Amino acid sequence: MTDPYGFLRTPRSPVPARPADQRLGDWREVHAGQALLPLVSAQANRCMDCGLPFCHGGCPLGNLIPEWNAYAAHGHWQAASDRLHATNNFPEFTGRLCPAPCEDACVLAINADPVTIKNVEQTIADQAWEHGWTPPLPPARHSGKTVAVIGSGPAGLATAQQLTRAGHTVVVYERDDRIGGLLRYGIPAFKMEKTHLDRRIAQMRAEGTVFRTDCDVGGRLDAAGLRSRHDAVVVAVGATEPRELPVPGRELLGIHQAMEYLTCSNRVGEGDSAAPGITAAGRHVVVVGGGDTGSDCVGTALRQGALSVVQLDINPEPGTGRRDTEPWPVYPKVYRISHAHEEARGRDGADPRVFSSATVHFEGDAAGRVRALHLTAVEPAARRPLPGTDRVLEAGLVLLALGFSGPARASHLDEQLGLARTARGGFARTPDFAALGPSAPGPPAPAPAAEPAPAPAPDGVFVAGDAGRGQSLVVWALAEGRAAAAAVDRYLTGTTELPAPVRADDRPLTA
């Protein structure tokens, strides 16, 4: 066990990031080379062995956090890795990308500083790879069943690895030229270097998972035909339909969707070109949208040499403490500074975000390129414009990071697999991840008419991750992938020993 007085004797001390001015000169991870084992062990020793570990509930994967904290506290890194990998296929991803709702659910967080769980997780995962404790785990026998996984993002990869290890033959179909989905082209290298992704894919290949790139299922490759060649299909294509900003001037040059911009940057890192097709170099950049994708755009623009970066958020500035409507252990909406925001503050000390603001219209120059963004302050609740608060921001590049509304409308998976969409734009499914088809008409009845009943989609089709849930966290994608794999295994064999950490109708502990 950990030191029962460790949380009293040792203050919280996260792993320090590299200095902002240093990391802005490269694309390496913010914490590259900063995993200090004695520091991490001491922080793990703050875990108070609380008896009722609410961190489990805060983590969609149900990670065994107190157990691997205890091993890490005593330097037993291989044992810690075994406990970590028991619930998490890719802890090196979540240790870098997850916002750590487990820390806000830590019992210490009631009235003190929580354990640095995310740092401990990343260090355990990195130690495992450094010392060769993550060998391929091919199945002892094969079931004779084949499964197609459409999409190679975190949900698709987790689904594929679980099913491969269960003995099924799994083929992952990816429409891009490389495997990884959002992890490959949506996440900047300064948050997660692609070597972590590449070695996991190599591990999965050694286990028997087959990967096929440049396969646009629903486009060049017919999804119905794919279903006929496999015993089951898992749709894990993510939520890639971007939300638009329908204001005057949107058609001007220099206004792009955030994912288009981030993909261009990541392709440079992959060696596809010497310079990105969309660059912030020498431009005043405005990012519209206050979420994580917007923050990634801020960090990318700074590294490309932007003259200035401003991020607009329609939401009011959060407070520094929990609201009464967000009691512990709920993940609270509090004021947080990302590493990208910290880098932007380094120039003049000001937060690059403008809260409670909305775009009114764009202004262009004679060549049809954006040169300014007109915005207004809005009321916190109704989000109505406040008279007399209009202002103008110089803008040579505008990036729209407004979120996503489900799988791409142009994918044709709906028609070819008979999938229905929810009101939020995702593919409809049961709590056990089985896809649902378009609503069947109800029987004749007096007004009001009978509620339409969802009809099953073609037998053996499942939906996992953001494609059904809507855009969410990487940890939710992995949890859904693992649970969907258990559902598929049960469908194919009548039973399963695979863990199912969540159901498709679960929602995170947020107010």
Protein backbone atom coordinates (compact mmCIF):
# COMPACT_ATOMS: atom_id res chain seq x y z
CA MET A 1 0.00 0.00 0.00
CA THR A 2 0.97 3.64 -0.21
CA ASP A 3 2.09 5.78 2.72
CA PRO A 4 -1.09 6.46 4.74
CA TYR A 5 0.28 9.91 5.56
CA GLY A 6 1.75 10.62 2.13
CA PHE A 7 -0.99 13.04 1.11
CA LEU A 8 -0.27 15.03 4.28
CA ARG A 9 3.50 15.04 3.98
CA THR A 10 3.94 15.50 0.23
CA PRO A 11 2.37 18.41 -1.70
CA ARG A 12 1.00 17.87 -5.20
CA SER A 13 3.75 18.41 -7.76
CA PRO A 14 2.95 17.64 -11.43
CA VAL A 15 5.71 16.65 -13.82
CA PRO A 16 7.06 19.99 -15.09
CA ALA A 17 6.63 20.85 -18.74
CA ARG A 18 9.51 22.10 -20.81
CA PRO A 19 9.81 25.90 -20.79
CA ALA A 20 7.34 27.50 -23.19
CA ASP A 21 9.99 29.37 -25.19
CA GLN A 22 11.91 26.12 -25.65
CA ARG A 23 9.02 23.97 -26.81
CA LEU A 24 7.75 26.60 -29.24
CA GLY A 25 10.92 25.96 -31.23
CA ASP A 26 10.04 22.35 -32.03
CA TRP A 27 7.17 19.88 -32.36
CA ARG A 28 8.24 17.55 -29.58
CA GLU A 29 5.89 16.75 -26.73
CA VAL A 30 5.39 19.34 -24.05
CA HIS A 31 6.75 16.92 -21.43
CA ALA A 32 9.39 15.26 -23.64
CA GLY A 33 12.14 13.81 -21.45
CA GLN A 34 10.51 15.13 -18.27
CA ALA A 35 9.28 11.88 -16.70
CA LEU A 36 11.20 11.96 -13.41
CA LEU A 37 10.74 8.58 -11.73
CA PRO A 38 11.46 9.67 -8.12
CA LEU A 39 9.01 12.57 -8.47
CA VAL A 40 6.31 10.37 -9.97
CA SER A 41 6.78 7.69 -7.32
CA ALA A 42 6.48 10.29 -4.58
CA GLN A 43 3.30 11.63 -6.15
CA ALA A 44 1.83 8.14 -6.46
CA ASN A 45 2.58 7.73 -2.75
CA ARG A 46 0.04 10.50 -2.06
CA CYS A 47 -2.78 8.08 -2.97
CA MET A 48 -4.58 7.79 0.36
CA ASP A 49 -5.91 4.21 0.00
CA CYS A 50 -9.35 5.72 0.57
CA GLY A 51 -11.30 2.44 0.50
CA LEU A 52 -13.95 3.82 -1.86
CA PRO A 53 -11.88 4.93 -4.86
CA PHE A 54 -14.16 7.38 -6.66
CA CYS A 55 -11.39 7.77 -9.24
CA HIS A 56 -12.74 4.48 -10.64
CA GLY A 57 -16.09 6.12 -11.30
CA GLY A 58 -14.45 9.20 -12.76
CA CYS A 59 -12.63 7.03 -15.31
CA PRO A 60 -14.84 5.53 -18.06
CA LEU A 61 -12.38 2.64 -18.35
CA GLY A 62 -12.62 1.84 -14.65
CA ASN A 63 -8.83 1.98 -14.34
CA LEU A 64 -7.48 0.31 -11.20
CA ILE A 65 -5.83 3.54 -10.13
CA PRO A 66 -5.10 2.87 -6.43
CA GLU A 67 -3.52 -0.46 -7.34
CA TRP A 68 -1.07 0.87 -9.89
CA ASN A 69 -0.43 3.93 -7.74
CA ALA A 70 0.75 1.61 -4.96
CA TYR A 71 3.07 -0.28 -7.30
CA ALA A 72 4.44 2.96 -8.78
CA ALA A 73 5.01 4.39 -5.31
CA HIS A 74 7.37 1.50 -4.56
CA GLY A 75 9.02 1.48 -7.98
CA HIS A 76 7.42 -1.78 -9.09
CA TRP A 77 6.82 -0.50 -12.59
CA GLN A 78 6.19 -3.84 -14.33
CA ALA A 79 3.49 -4.80 -11.83
CA ALA A 80 2.01 -1.32 -12.26
CA SER A 81 2.00 -1.84 -16.02
CA ASP A 82 0.16 -5.15 -15.67
CA ARG A 83 -2.61 -3.50 -13.61
CA LEU A 84 -2.79 -0.52 -15.96
CA HIS A 85 -3.05 -2.64 -19.11
CA ALA A 86 -5.72 -4.82 -17.50
CA THR A 87 -8.27 -2.08 -18.19
CA ASN A 88 -6.63 0.15 -20.79
CA ASN A 89 -5.35 -0.95 -24.21
CA PHE A 90 -3.43 2.24 -24.89
CA PRO A 91 -2.42 4.05 -21.64
CA GLU A 92 0.33 5.95 -23.46
CA PHE A 93 -2.49 7.68 -25.40
CA THR A 94 -4.73 8.48 -22.44
CA GLY A 95 -1.75 9.45 -20.27
CA ARG A 96 -1.04 12.21 -22.77
CA LEU A 97 -4.45 13.18 -24.15
CA CYS A 98 -7.07 12.54 -21.47
CA PRO A 99 -8.15 15.58 -19.37
CA ALA A 100 -8.08 13.27 -16.34
CA PRO A 101 -11.62 13.33 -14.93
CA CYS A 102 -10.27 10.76 -12.46
CA GLU A 103 -8.29 13.51 -10.73
CA ASP A 104 -11.40 15.61 -10.12
CA ALA A 105 -13.06 12.47 -8.71
CA CYS A 106 -10.11 11.73 -6.39
CA VAL A 107 -11.21 11.76 -2.74
CA LEU A 108 -8.41 14.22 -2.00
CA ALA A 109 -10.08 16.68 -4.40
CA ILE A 110 -12.91 17.22 -1.89
CA ASN A 111 -10.80 19.71 0.05
CA ALA A 112 -7.21 19.34 -1.17
CA ASP A 113 -5.08 18.73 -4.25
CA PRO A 114 -5.71 15.38 -5.98
CA VAL A 115 -3.08 12.81 -6.90
CA THR A 116 -1.32 13.49 -10.21
CA ILE A 117 -2.93 10.38 -11.70
CA LYS A 118 -2.36 11.36 -15.32
CA ASN A 119 1.40 11.79 -14.81
CA VAL A 120 1.62 8.44 -13.04
CA GLU A 121 -0.29 6.73 -15.86
CA GLN A 122 1.92 8.14 -18.59
CA THR A 123 5.09 7.22 -16.71
CA ILE A 124 3.95 3.63 -16.14
CA ALA A 125 3.07 3.27 -19.84
CA ASP A 126 6.39 4.74 -20.96
CA GLN A 127 8.33 2.49 -18.59
CA ALA A 128 6.49 -0.51 -20.00
CA TRP A 129 7.57 0.30 -23.55
CA GLU A 130 11.12 1.18 -22.52
CA HIS A 131 11.62 -2.16 -20.76
CA GLY A 132 9.75 -4.38 -23.24
CA TRP A 133 6.80 -5.23 -20.99
CA THR A 134 4.25 -4.82 -23.79
CA PRO A 135 4.90 -7.76 -26.14
CA PRO A 136 2.33 -8.77 -28.77
CA LEU A 137 -0.37 -11.04 -27.36
CA PRO A 138 -1.63 -13.16 -30.27
CA PRO A 139 -4.52 -15.50 -29.51
CA ALA A 140 -3.84 -19.12 -28.64
CA ARG A 141 -6.52 -20.25 -31.10
CA HIS A 142 -8.69 -18.73 -33.82
CA SER A 143 -12.46 -18.74 -33.84
CA GLY A 144 -12.87 -18.85 -37.60
CA LYS A 145 -14.97 -15.68 -37.43
CA THR A 146 -14.07 -12.46 -39.28
CA VAL A 147 -14.86 -8.90 -38.22
CA ALA A 148 -14.54 -5.68 -40.21
CA VAL A 149 -13.81 -2.52 -38.22
CA ILE A 150 -14.50 0.65 -40.18
CA GLY A 151 -12.28 3.42 -38.85
CA SER A 152 -8.88 3.31 -37.13
CA GLY A 153 -9.28 6.00 -34.48
CA PRO A 154 -9.04 5.14 -30.77
CA ALA A 155 -12.42 3.36 -30.66
CA GLY A 156 -11.69 1.30 -33.76
CA LEU A 157 -8.20 0.34 -32.58
CA ALA A 158 -9.43 -0.70 -29.12
CA THR A 159 -12.23 -2.76 -30.67
CA ALA A 160 -9.82 -4.42 -33.09
CA GLN A 161 -7.21 -5.32 -30.50
CA GLN A 162 -9.75 -6.83 -28.11
CA LEU A 163 -11.38 -8.94 -30.83
CA THR A 164 -8.04 -10.06 -32.27
CA ARG A 165 -6.87 -11.19 -28.85
CA ALA A 166 -10.19 -13.04 -28.43
CA GLY A 167 -9.30 -15.15 -31.47
CA HIS A 168 -11.27 -13.49 -34.28
CA THR A 169 -9.77 -12.39 -37.59
CA VAL A 170 -10.08 -8.60 -37.65
CA VAL A 171 -9.59 -6.30 -40.62
CA VAL A 172 -9.46 -2.56 -39.98
CA TYR A 173 -10.50 -0.37 -42.93
CA GLU A 174 -9.24 3.22 -42.94
CA ARG A 175 -10.12 5.80 -45.58
CA ASP A 176 -6.91 7.83 -45.07
CA ASP A 177 -3.46 6.82 -46.23
CA ARG A 178 -2.26 6.02 -42.71
CA ILE A 179 -3.73 4.26 -39.71
CA GLY A 180 -4.73 6.25 -36.64
CA GLY A 181 -7.68 8.47 -37.49
CA LEU A 182 -7.88 11.42 -35.12
CA LEU A 183 -4.76 10.23 -33.31
CA ARG A 184 -2.80 10.48 -36.56
CA TYR A 185 -4.06 13.64 -38.20
CA GLY A 186 -6.12 15.49 -35.60
CA ILE A 187 -3.78 15.51 -32.60
CA PRO A 188 -0.66 17.70 -32.89
CA ALA A 189 2.69 16.06 -32.27
CA PHE A 190 3.38 18.38 -29.33
CA LYS A 191 0.55 16.60 -27.50
CA MET A 192 1.43 13.08 -28.66
CA GLU A 193 4.34 12.17 -30.89
CA LYS A 194 3.34 9.65 -33.55
CA THR A 195 5.97 7.12 -32.49
CA HIS A 196 3.59 6.06 -29.70
CA LEU A 197 0.91 5.34 -32.29
CA ASP A 198 3.27 3.59 -34.70
CA ARG A 199 4.56 1.09 -32.15
CA ARG A 200 1.04 0.17 -31.02
CA ILE A 201 0.04 -0.46 -34.61
CA ALA A 202 3.15 -2.63 -35.04
CA GLN A 203 2.14 -4.56 -31.91
CA MET A 204 -1.39 -5.07 -33.27
CA ARG A 205 -0.05 -6.29 -36.61
CA ALA A 206 2.15 -8.79 -34.79
CA GLU A 207 -0.95 -10.01 -32.94
CA GLY A 208 -2.74 -10.62 -36.21
CA THR A 209 -4.86 -7.53 -36.84
CA VAL A 210 -4.97 -6.64 -40.54
CA PHE A 211 -4.92 -2.99 -41.60
CA ARG A 212 -6.07 -1.65 -44.94
CA THR A 213 -5.63 2.01 -45.78
CA ASP A 214 -7.13 4.10 -48.60
CA CYS A 215 -10.40 2.19 -48.14
CA ASP A 216 -13.28 4.61 -48.26
CA VAL A 217 -16.06 2.37 -46.99
CA GLY A 218 -19.37 3.80 -48.18
CA GLY A 219 -17.59 5.51 -51.06
CA ARG A 220 -15.27 3.51 -53.31
CA LEU A 221 -15.85 0.41 -51.17
CA ASP A 222 -19.47 -0.68 -50.79
CA ALA A 223 -20.38 -1.11 -47.11
CA ALA A 224 -23.14 -3.65 -47.80
CA GLY A 225 -20.70 -5.80 -49.74
CA LEU A 226 -18.22 -5.52 -46.91
CA ARG A 227 -20.87 -6.73 -44.46
CA SER A 228 -21.59 -9.75 -46.63
CA ARG A 229 -17.92 -10.80 -46.51
CA HIS A 230 -17.59 -10.64 -42.71
CA ASP A 231 -19.41 -12.18 -39.79
CA ALA A 232 -19.76 -8.77 -38.11
CA VAL A 233 -19.03 -5.13 -38.81
CA VAL A 234 -18.14 -2.40 -36.31
CA VAL A 235 -18.68 1.20 -37.44
CA ALA A 236 -16.13 3.38 -35.64
CA VAL A 237 -15.74 6.24 -38.07
CA GLY A 238 -15.81 9.00 -35.47
CA ALA A 239 -17.72 12.27 -35.60
CA THR A 240 -16.14 14.19 -38.46
CA GLU A 241 -18.99 16.38 -39.76
CA PRO A 242 -17.83 19.89 -38.76
CA ARG A 243 -20.24 22.50 -37.49
CA GLU A 244 -20.41 25.59 -39.65
CA LEU A 245 -20.48 29.31 -38.87
CA PRO A 246 -23.22 30.79 -41.09
CA VAL A 247 -22.30 34.48 -40.94
CA PRO A 248 -21.62 36.98 -43.72
CA GLY A 249 -18.16 36.65 -45.21
CA ARG A 250 -17.75 32.95 -44.47
CA GLU A 251 -16.85 32.37 -48.13
CA LEU A 252 -13.68 34.50 -47.92
CA LEU A 253 -10.29 32.92 -48.47
CA GLY A 254 -8.33 32.18 -45.33
CA ILE A 255 -11.26 30.77 -43.32
CA HIS A 256 -10.87 27.04 -42.68
CA GLN A 257 -12.23 24.27 -40.55
CA ALA A 258 -9.87 23.45 -37.69
CA MET A 259 -9.43 19.80 -38.64
CA GLU A 260 -8.47 20.76 -42.19
CA TYR A 261 -5.77 22.99 -40.73
CA LEU A 262 -4.49 20.46 -38.18
CA THR A 263 -4.37 17.70 -40.80
CA CYS A 264 -2.20 19.85 -43.07
CA SER A 265 0.20 20.48 -40.21
CA ASN A 266 0.38 16.82 -39.20
CA ARG A 267 1.06 15.76 -42.78
CA VAL A 268 4.19 17.90 -42.73
CA GLY A 269 5.27 16.00 -39.62
CA GLU A 270 4.67 12.75 -41.48
CA GLY A 271 7.01 13.92 -44.26
CA ASP A 272 4.37 14.38 -46.97
CA SER A 273 5.45 17.95 -47.73
CA ALA A 274 7.97 20.54 -46.64
CA ALA A 275 5.35 23.12 -45.70
CA PRO A 276 1.64 22.96 -44.84
CA GLY A 277 -0.96 23.97 -47.38
CA ILE A 278 -2.56 26.15 -44.71
CA THR A 279 -0.14 28.06 -42.51
CA ALA A 280 -0.30 30.68 -39.78
CA ALA A 281 3.18 31.97 -40.53
CA GLY A 282 3.23 35.77 -40.57
CA ARG A 283 -0.54 36.07 -39.99
CA HIS A 284 -2.85 37.26 -37.27
CA VAL A 285 -4.87 34.16 -36.34
CA VAL A 286 -8.32 33.97 -34.80
CA VAL A 287 -9.62 30.61 -33.58
CA VAL A 288 -13.42 30.46 -33.24
CA GLY A 289 -14.34 27.88 -30.60
CA GLY A 290 -13.19 27.41 -27.03
CA GLY A 291 -12.64 23.63 -26.81
CA ASP A 292 -9.63 21.35 -27.00
CA THR A 293 -9.51 21.44 -30.80
CA GLY A 294 -9.31 25.23 -30.64
CA SER A 295 -6.47 24.96 -28.13
CA ASP A 296 -4.63 22.60 -30.48
CA CYS A 297 -4.99 25.22 -33.21
CA VAL A 298 -3.51 27.86 -30.90
CA GLY A 299 -0.43 25.73 -30.16
CA THR A 300 0.01 24.84 -33.83
CA ALA A 301 -0.30 28.45 -35.01
CA LEU A 302 2.29 29.62 -32.47
CA ARG A 303 4.78 27.01 -33.67
CA GLN A 304 4.19 28.03 -37.28
CA GLY A 305 5.12 31.62 -36.49
CA ALA A 306 1.79 33.43 -36.19
CA LEU A 307 2.00 37.16 -35.47
CA SER A 308 -0.78 36.85 -32.90
CA VAL A 309 -3.38 34.30 -31.82
CA VAL A 310 -6.80 34.96 -30.32
CA GLN A 311 -9.31 32.26 -29.35
CA LEU A 312 -13.02 33.12 -29.14
CA ASP A 313 -15.32 31.26 -26.75
CA ILE A 314 -19.06 31.91 -26.71
CA ASN A 315 -19.25 30.58 -23.14
CA PRO A 316 -18.61 32.82 -20.12
CA GLU A 317 -15.28 32.58 -18.34
CA PRO A 318 -15.54 29.78 -15.75
CA GLY A 319 -14.72 30.35 -12.12
CA THR A 320 -11.77 28.79 -10.35
CA GLY A 321 -13.87 26.62 -8.05
CA ARG A 322 -16.75 24.20 -8.32
CA ARG A 323 -20.26 25.56 -8.68
CA ASP A 324 -23.03 24.28 -6.42
CA THR A 325 -24.45 22.43 -9.43
CA GLU A 326 -21.14 20.56 -9.92
CA PRO A 327 -20.44 18.86 -6.59
CA TRP A 328 -17.58 16.44 -6.15
CA PRO A 329 -16.98 13.94 -7.81
CA VAL A 330 -18.55 15.53 -10.93
CA TYR A 331 -16.03 16.75 -13.50
CA PRO A 332 -16.40 20.53 -13.06
CA LYS A 333 -16.35 23.32 -15.60
CA VAL A 334 -13.61 25.43 -14.05
CA TYR A 335 -11.03 27.81 -15.45
CA ARG A 336 -8.23 25.74 -16.97
CA ILE A 337 -5.08 26.72 -18.82
CA SER A 338 -3.83 24.38 -21.53
CA HIS A 339 -0.18 24.27 -22.49
CA ALA A 340 -1.05 26.13 -25.69
CA HIS A 341 -2.71 28.91 -23.69
CA GLU A 342 0.35 29.06 -21.48
CA GLU A 343 2.55 29.46 -24.55
CA ALA A 344 0.35 32.25 -25.91
CA ARG A 345 0.39 34.03 -22.54
CA GLY A 346 4.16 34.04 -22.64
CA ARG A 347 4.14 36.86 -25.17
CA ASP A 348 2.27 39.46 -23.15
CA GLY A 349 0.94 37.61 -20.12
CA ALA A 350 -2.68 37.82 -21.31
CA ASP A 351 -4.99 34.87 -21.81
CA PRO A 352 -5.47 34.45 -25.59
CA ARG A 353 -9.15 33.62 -25.04
CA VAL A 354 -12.02 36.07 -25.32
CA PHE A 355 -15.00 34.68 -23.43
CA SER A 356 -18.70 35.44 -23.94
CA SER A 357 -18.04 36.48 -27.53
CA ALA A 358 -19.68 35.67 -30.86
CA THR A 359 -18.68 36.31 -34.46
CA VAL A 360 -20.92 38.81 -36.30
CA HIS A 361 -19.30 38.79 -39.74
CA PHE A 362 -16.01 38.64 -41.61
CA GLU A 363 -14.43 41.43 -43.62
CA GLY A 364 -12.31 40.78 -46.69
CA ASP A 365 -9.79 42.63 -48.81
CA ALA A 366 -9.89 43.36 -52.54
CA ALA A 367 -8.44 39.92 -53.32
CA GLY A 368 -11.26 38.16 -51.47
CA ARG A 369 -9.15 37.15 -48.48
CA VAL A 370 -10.24 37.63 -44.89
CA ARG A 371 -8.63 40.55 -43.13
CA ALA A 372 -10.83 41.15 -40.09
CA LEU A 373 -13.38 39.49 -37.84
CA HIS A 374 -16.20 41.51 -36.27
CA LEU A 375 -17.41 40.18 -32.94
CA THR A 376 -19.73 41.13 -30.13
CA ALA A 377 -20.09 40.25 -26.47
CA VAL A 378 -23.05 38.04 -25.60
CA GLU A 379 -25.18 37.48 -22.52
CA PRO A 380 -23.90 34.47 -20.58
CA ALA A 381 -27.20 32.60 -20.47
CA ALA A 382 -29.23 33.55 -23.55
CA ARG A 383 -26.14 34.26 -25.68
CA ARG A 384 -27.85 37.32 -27.15
CA PRO A 385 -25.58 40.10 -28.46
CA LEU A 386 -25.00 42.95 -26.06
CA PRO A 387 -25.50 46.35 -27.75
CA GLY A 388 -22.45 48.57 -27.90
CA THR A 389 -19.91 45.79 -27.43
CA ASP A 390 -18.90 45.32 -31.07
CA ARG A 391 -15.19 45.18 -31.80
CA VAL A 392 -12.90 44.23 -34.68
CA LEU A 393 -9.99 41.80 -34.68
CA GLU A 394 -7.37 41.77 -37.40
CA ALA A 395 -7.38 38.31 -38.97
CA GLY A 396 -5.34 36.85 -41.81
CA LEU A 397 -6.32 33.29 -40.90
CA VAL A 398 -9.54 32.16 -39.21
CA LEU A 399 -9.94 28.62 -37.90
CA LEU A 400 -13.39 27.25 -37.07
CA ALA A 401 -13.25 24.87 -34.10
CA LEU A 402 -16.97 24.63 -33.36
CA GLY A 403 -17.18 20.90 -32.81
CA PHE A 404 -18.79 18.15 -34.85
CA SER A 405 -22.29 16.85 -35.47
CA GLY A 406 -21.79 13.13 -36.02
CA PRO A 407 -20.27 11.02 -38.80
CA ALA A 408 -19.72 12.65 -42.18
CA ARG A 409 -22.99 13.07 -44.07
CA ALA A 410 -21.29 12.13 -47.34
CA SER A 411 -20.11 8.74 -46.10
CA HIS A 412 -23.21 6.86 -47.43
CA LEU A 413 -22.90 4.37 -44.59
CA ASP A 414 -26.46 5.28 -43.62
CA GLU A 415 -27.95 3.97 -46.85
CA GLN A 416 -25.58 1.08 -47.50
CA LEU A 417 -25.82 -0.42 -44.01
CA GLY A 418 -29.35 0.77 -43.22
CA LEU A 419 -28.30 2.95 -40.28
CA ALA A 420 -30.50 5.53 -38.56
CA ARG A 421 -29.29 8.80 -37.10
CA THR A 422 -30.09 10.26 -33.73
CA ALA A 423 -31.21 13.85 -33.16
CA ARG A 424 -27.57 14.72 -32.40
CA GLY A 425 -26.41 13.31 -35.74
CA GLY A 426 -24.79 10.07 -34.55
CA PHE A 427 -25.70 6.57 -35.65
CA ALA A 428 -28.50 5.12 -33.53
CA ARG A 429 -27.75 2.01 -31.49
CA THR A 430 -28.88 -0.07 -28.57
CA PRO A 431 -27.18 0.05 -25.16
CA ASP A 432 -25.27 -3.04 -26.32
CA PHE A 433 -23.84 -1.17 -29.33
CA ALA A 434 -25.97 -2.95 -31.96
CA ALA A 435 -26.87 -0.53 -34.75
CA LEU A 436 -30.46 0.55 -35.28
CA GLY A 437 -32.11 1.16 -38.61
CA PRO A 438 -34.59 3.85 -39.68
CA SER A 439 -37.74 4.09 -37.59
CA ALA A 440 -40.45 1.66 -38.52
CA PRO A 441 -43.93 3.15 -38.83
CA GLY A 442 -46.20 2.48 -35.87
CA PRO A 443 -49.57 0.76 -36.16
CA PRO A 444 -52.62 2.87 -37.05
CA ALA A 445 -53.85 4.70 -33.98
CA PRO A 446 -55.96 7.71 -33.11
CA ALA A 447 -54.15 11.01 -32.74
CA PRO A 448 -51.58 11.48 -31.45
CA ALA A 449 -49.96 8.93 -33.72
CA ALA A 450 -48.07 6.00 -32.24
CA GLU A 451 -44.40 6.63 -31.58
CA PRO A 452 -42.28 5.11 -34.39
CA ALA A 453 -40.30 2.12 -33.21
CA PRO A 454 -36.62 1.84 -34.16
CA ALA A 455 -36.01 -1.06 -36.50
CA PRO A 456 -32.89 -3.22 -36.23
CA ALA A 457 -30.16 -2.53 -38.75
CA PRO A 458 -28.73 -5.47 -40.69
CA ASP A 459 -27.81 -8.22 -38.28
CA GLY A 460 -24.26 -8.08 -36.97
CA VAL A 461 -23.64 -4.33 -37.38
CA PHE A 462 -22.36 -2.44 -34.33
CA VAL A 463 -21.50 1.21 -33.64
CA ALA A 464 -18.68 2.33 -31.32
CA GLY A 465 -17.10 5.58 -30.21
CA ASP A 466 -17.88 9.07 -31.44
CA ALA A 467 -19.86 7.69 -34.39
CA GLY A 468 -22.65 6.88 -31.95
CA ARG A 469 -21.80 8.86 -28.84
CA GLY A 470 -20.93 12.16 -30.49
CA GLN A 471 -17.60 13.89 -30.06
CA SER A 472 -16.09 13.00 -26.73
CA LEU A 473 -12.87 12.17 -24.90
CA VAL A 474 -10.26 9.64 -26.01
CA VAL A 475 -10.85 7.68 -22.80
CA TRP A 476 -14.54 7.31 -23.71
CA ALA A 477 -13.55 6.10 -27.18
CA LEU A 478 -11.36 3.38 -25.67
CA ALA A 479 -14.04 2.39 -23.16
CA GLU A 480 -16.64 2.14 -25.91
CA GLY A 481 -14.27 0.19 -28.15
CA ARG A 482 -13.63 -2.36 -25.41
CA ALA A 483 -17.33 -2.66 -24.60
CA ALA A 484 -18.33 -2.94 -28.27
CA ALA A 485 -15.74 -5.70 -28.70
CA ALA A 486 -17.38 -7.64 -25.86
CA ALA A 487 -20.78 -7.21 -27.55
CA VAL A 488 -19.42 -8.45 -30.88
CA ASP A 489 -17.69 -11.41 -29.24
CA ARG A 490 -20.95 -12.37 -27.53
CA TYR A 491 -22.81 -12.06 -30.84
CA LEU A 492 -20.30 -14.31 -32.61
CA THR A 493 -19.84 -16.95 -29.93
CA GLY A 494 -22.82 -16.70 -27.59
CA THR A 495 -20.66 -15.69 -24.64
CA THR A 496 -17.65 -13.52 -23.86
CA GLU A 497 -14.89 -13.08 -21.33
CA LEU A 498 -13.99 -9.63 -22.64
CA PRO A 499 -14.64 -6.76 -20.21
CA ALA A 500 -17.38 -4.25 -20.98
CA PRO A 501 -16.64 -1.09 -18.96
CA VAL A 502 -19.56 0.97 -20.31
CA ARG A 503 -22.86 0.72 -22.12
CA ALA A 504 -23.69 2.82 -25.15
CA ASP A 505 -26.16 4.94 -23.19
CA ASP A 506 -23.72 5.84 -20.39
CA ARG A 507 -22.80 9.46 -19.97
CA PRO A 508 -19.89 11.05 -18.08
CA LEU A 509 -20.37 12.49 -14.60
CA THR A 510 -20.95 16.08 -15.68
CA ALA A 511 -23.61 18.52 -14.63
